[in-house]
Amino acid sequence: MQLSAEVFYGFDLFLKQAKAPKGAATRLKSALQAVAVDLQLKLTQVLHLILTRLDSRIMA
């Protein structure tokens, strides 16, 4: 999952106004992308489990 340039720019503007340390927007973007990838992986695993169970019930 990628964050759009507009969202990243918004983070950057907000953090500059909040006087956050330099590079905070990039670190925040990286952290959010890592969470999104982890969440996507977990959702994929749950979906696979559900579909496997549904398939076994249909075939029974």
C-alpha atoms as a PDB file:
ATOM      1  CA  MET A   1       0.000   0.000   0.000  1.00  0.00           C
ATOM      2  CA  GLN A   2       1.403   3.370  -0.963  1.00  0.00           C
ATOM      3  CA  LEU A   3       0.501   6.724   0.519  1.00  0.00           C
ATOM      4  CA  SER A   4      -0.313   9.316  -2.100  1.00  0.00           C
ATOM      5  CA  ALA A   5       1.896  12.338  -2.592  1.00  0.00           C
ATOM      6  CA  GLU A   6      -0.963  14.576  -1.398  1.00  0.00           C
ATOM      7  CA  VAL A   7      -1.268  12.691   1.887  1.00  0.00           C
ATOM      8  CA  PHE A   8       2.494  12.779   2.431  1.00  0.00           C
ATOM      9  CA  TYR A   9       2.552  16.512   1.646  1.00  0.00           C
ATOM     10  CA  GLY A  10      -0.230  17.018   4.212  1.00  0.00           C
ATOM     11  CA  PHE A  11       1.802  15.145   6.847  1.00  0.00           C
ATOM     12  CA  ASP A  12       4.836  17.240   6.007  1.00  0.00           C
ATOM     13  CA  LEU A  13       2.939  20.542   6.301  1.00  0.00           C
ATOM     14  CA  PHE A  14       1.312  19.532   9.582  1.00  0.00           C
ATOM     15  CA  LEU A  15       4.604  18.405  11.104  1.00  0.00           C
ATOM     16  CA  LYS A  16       6.372  21.591   9.982  1.00  0.00           C
ATOM     17  CA  GLN A  17       3.653  23.685  11.656  1.00  0.00           C
ATOM     18  CA  ALA A  18       3.990  21.555  14.786  1.00  0.00           C
ATOM     19  CA  LYS A  19       7.769  22.158  14.636  1.00  0.00           C
ATOM     20  CA  ALA A  20       8.529  18.440  14.524  1.00  0.00           C
ATOM     21  CA  PRO A  21      12.105  17.289  13.924  1.00  0.00           C
ATOM     22  CA  LYS A  22      13.338  17.321  10.334  1.00  0.00           C
ATOM     23  CA  GLY A  23      12.481  14.112   8.511  1.00  0.00           C
ATOM     24  CA  ALA A  24       9.552  13.294  10.794  1.00  0.00           C
ATOM     25  CA  ALA A  25       7.129  13.130   7.863  1.00  0.00           C
ATOM     26  CA  THR A  26       9.290  10.544   6.122  1.00  0.00           C
ATOM     27  CA  ARG A  27       9.546   8.458   9.295  1.00  0.00           C
ATOM     28  CA  LEU A  28       5.784   8.737   9.812  1.00  0.00           C
ATOM     29  CA  LYS A  29       5.146   7.709   6.202  1.00  0.00           C
ATOM     30  CA  SER A  30       7.411   4.669   6.581  1.00  0.00           C
ATOM     31  CA  ALA A  31       5.712   3.636   9.816  1.00  0.00           C
ATOM     32  CA  LEU A  32       2.230   3.990   8.323  1.00  0.00           C
ATOM     33  CA  GLN A  33       3.228   1.960   5.274  1.00  0.00           C
ATOM     34  CA  ALA A  34       4.647  -0.795   7.493  1.00  0.00           C
ATOM     35  CA  VAL A  35       1.399  -0.932   9.471  1.00  0.00           C
ATOM     36  CA  ALA A  36      -0.629  -1.004   6.252  1.00  0.00           C
ATOM     37  CA  VAL A  37       1.432  -3.885   4.855  1.00  0.00           C
ATOM     38  CA  ASP A  38       1.104  -5.822   8.124  1.00  0.00           C
ATOM     39  CA  LEU A  39      -2.650  -5.214   8.211  1.00  0.00           C
ATOM     40  CA  GLN A  40      -3.017  -6.239   4.571  1.00  0.00           C
ATOM     41  CA  LEU A  41      -1.111  -9.474   5.277  1.00  0.00           C
ATOM     42  CA  LYS A  42      -3.315 -10.259   8.284  1.00  0.00           C
ATOM     43  CA  LEU A  43      -6.493  -9.557   6.320  1.00  0.00           C
ATOM     44  CA  THR A  44      -5.270 -11.824   3.531  1.00  0.00           C
ATOM     45  CA  GLN A  45      -4.611 -14.624   6.030  1.00  0.00           C
ATOM     46  CA  VAL A  46      -8.061 -14.233   7.608  1.00  0.00           C
ATOM     47  CA  LEU A  47      -9.737 -14.207   4.200  1.00  0.00           C
ATOM     48  CA  HIS A  48      -7.844 -17.356   3.205  1.00  0.00           C
ATOM     49  CA  LEU A  49      -8.945 -19.090   6.427  1.00  0.00           C
ATOM     50  CA  ILE A  50     -12.593 -18.109   5.875  1.00  0.00           C
ATOM     51  CA  LEU A  51     -12.562 -19.246   2.251  1.00  0.00           C
ATOM     52  CA  THR A  52     -10.888 -22.544   3.170  1.00  0.00           C
ATOM     53  CA  ARG A  53     -13.531 -23.265   5.797  1.00  0.00           C
ATOM     54  CA  LEU A  54     -16.353 -22.301   3.457  1.00  0.00           C
ATOM     55  CA  ASP A  55     -14.912 -24.536   0.764  1.00  0.00           C
ATOM     56  CA  SER A  56     -14.663 -27.503   3.146  1.00  0.00           C
ATOM     57  CA  ARG A  57     -18.296 -27.016   4.220  1.00  0.00           C
ATOM     58  CA  ILE A  58     -19.505 -26.768   0.632  1.00  0.00           C
ATOM     59  CA  MET A  59     -17.607 -29.902  -0.379  1.00  0.00           C
ATOM     60  CA  ALA A  60     -18.928 -31.892   2.637  1.00  0.00           C
END
